[in-house]
Amino acid sequence: MKRLRKDRLRDAFGRYRAKLTPGDFGAIRTKHFDYGVRICDLVREYPQYARETIRRVIGRGRGYIGVKGIGRVDTTDTTLRDPHSAKH
């Protein structure tokens, strides 16, 4: 019963409380890791997201980030390229 509740809460988080779209999540990570774009430049390019949100996307912040349709993605895994392969 607890496991079912946890799964439902995680799914609801991905649908209603998430901050990022999967496309923006992937684009920010690709620009930072593959092209070396700095955080301050990413903040200017994505003004709809806070600096801390972008830091969490690239793994510098603590905790997790919510990605729409996927749910919680932990930010400590700096090798994560595909948000769909995240362990949530």
Protein backbone atom coordinates (compact mmCIF):
# COMPACT_ATOMS: atom_id res chain seq x y z
CA MET A 1 0.00 0.00 0.00
CA LYS A 2 2.84 2.40 0.84
CA ARG A 3 4.62 1.54 -2.39
CA LEU A 4 1.47 2.26 -4.41
CA ARG A 5 1.03 5.60 -2.65
CA LYS A 6 4.66 6.51 -3.34
CA ASP A 7 4.22 5.67 -7.03
CA ARG A 8 1.09 7.81 -7.27
CA LEU A 9 2.76 10.77 -5.57
CA ARG A 10 5.76 10.51 -7.88
CA ASP A 11 3.53 10.41 -10.95
CA ALA A 12 1.54 13.42 -9.75
CA PHE A 13 4.76 15.32 -9.11
CA GLY A 14 5.84 14.71 -12.70
CA ARG A 15 2.54 15.93 -14.10
CA TYR A 16 1.64 18.90 -11.91
CA ARG A 17 4.58 20.19 -9.87
CA ALA A 18 7.49 19.77 -12.26
CA LYS A 19 9.54 22.80 -13.24
CA LEU A 20 11.26 21.81 -16.48
CA THR A 21 10.21 20.35 -19.77
CA PRO A 22 12.21 17.31 -20.92
CA GLY A 23 13.44 19.26 -23.96
CA ASP A 24 14.82 22.10 -21.85
CA PHE A 25 16.36 19.63 -19.42
CA GLY A 26 18.22 17.88 -22.22
CA ALA A 27 19.17 21.11 -23.98
CA ILE A 28 20.64 22.69 -20.85
CA ARG A 29 22.68 19.59 -20.05
CA THR A 30 23.90 19.25 -23.64
CA LYS A 31 24.92 22.89 -23.91
CA HIS A 32 26.79 22.78 -20.61
CA PHE A 33 28.53 19.40 -20.91
CA ASP A 34 29.11 19.17 -24.66
CA TYR A 35 29.67 22.82 -25.59
CA GLY A 36 30.96 24.27 -22.31
CA VAL A 37 28.33 27.00 -21.92
CA ARG A 38 28.63 28.68 -18.51
CA ILE A 39 25.81 28.93 -15.97
CA CYS A 40 25.49 32.71 -16.31
CA ASP A 41 25.01 32.32 -20.08
CA LEU A 42 22.42 29.59 -19.58
CA VAL A 43 20.52 31.82 -17.12
CA ARG A 44 20.34 34.53 -19.80
CA GLU A 45 19.26 32.04 -22.44
CA TYR A 46 16.56 30.47 -20.22
CA PRO A 47 15.10 33.39 -18.23
CA GLN A 48 12.02 31.35 -17.24
CA TYR A 49 14.18 29.24 -14.90
CA ALA A 50 15.99 30.41 -11.77
CA ARG A 51 19.75 30.15 -11.45
CA GLU A 52 19.39 27.44 -8.79
CA THR A 53 17.17 25.39 -11.10
CA ILE A 54 19.81 25.49 -13.84
CA ARG A 55 22.51 24.61 -11.30
CA ARG A 56 20.49 21.58 -10.24
CA VAL A 57 20.00 20.50 -13.87
CA ILE A 58 23.75 20.35 -14.44
CA GLY A 59 24.40 18.68 -11.09
CA ARG A 60 25.90 21.50 -9.09
CA GLY A 61 22.93 22.11 -6.81
CA ARG A 62 21.71 19.77 -4.12
CA GLY A 63 18.58 17.71 -4.18
CA TYR A 64 16.41 16.98 -7.16
CA ILE A 65 14.66 18.65 -10.06
CA GLY A 66 11.18 18.03 -11.36
CA VAL A 67 10.88 17.25 -15.06
CA LYS A 68 7.42 17.30 -16.61
CA GLY A 69 6.13 13.89 -17.58
CA ILE A 70 9.08 12.16 -15.92
CA GLY A 71 8.98 13.25 -12.30
CA ARG A 72 11.81 13.54 -9.86
CA VAL A 73 15.34 13.43 -11.27
CA ASP A 74 18.21 13.44 -8.77
CA THR A 75 20.85 16.04 -9.51
CA THR A 76 23.80 14.19 -7.99
CA ASP A 77 24.16 11.99 -11.08
CA THR A 78 26.24 14.22 -13.33
CA THR A 79 26.52 11.52 -16.00
CA LEU A 80 22.76 11.52 -16.64
CA ARG A 81 22.14 12.43 -20.27
CA ASP A 82 18.67 11.07 -20.87
CA PRO A 83 16.04 12.05 -18.27
CA HIS A 84 13.89 9.07 -19.28
CA SER A 85 16.56 6.69 -18.00
CA ALA A 86 16.54 8.29 -14.53
CA LYS A 87 15.92 6.10 -11.51
CA HIS A 88 12.82 7.62 -9.96
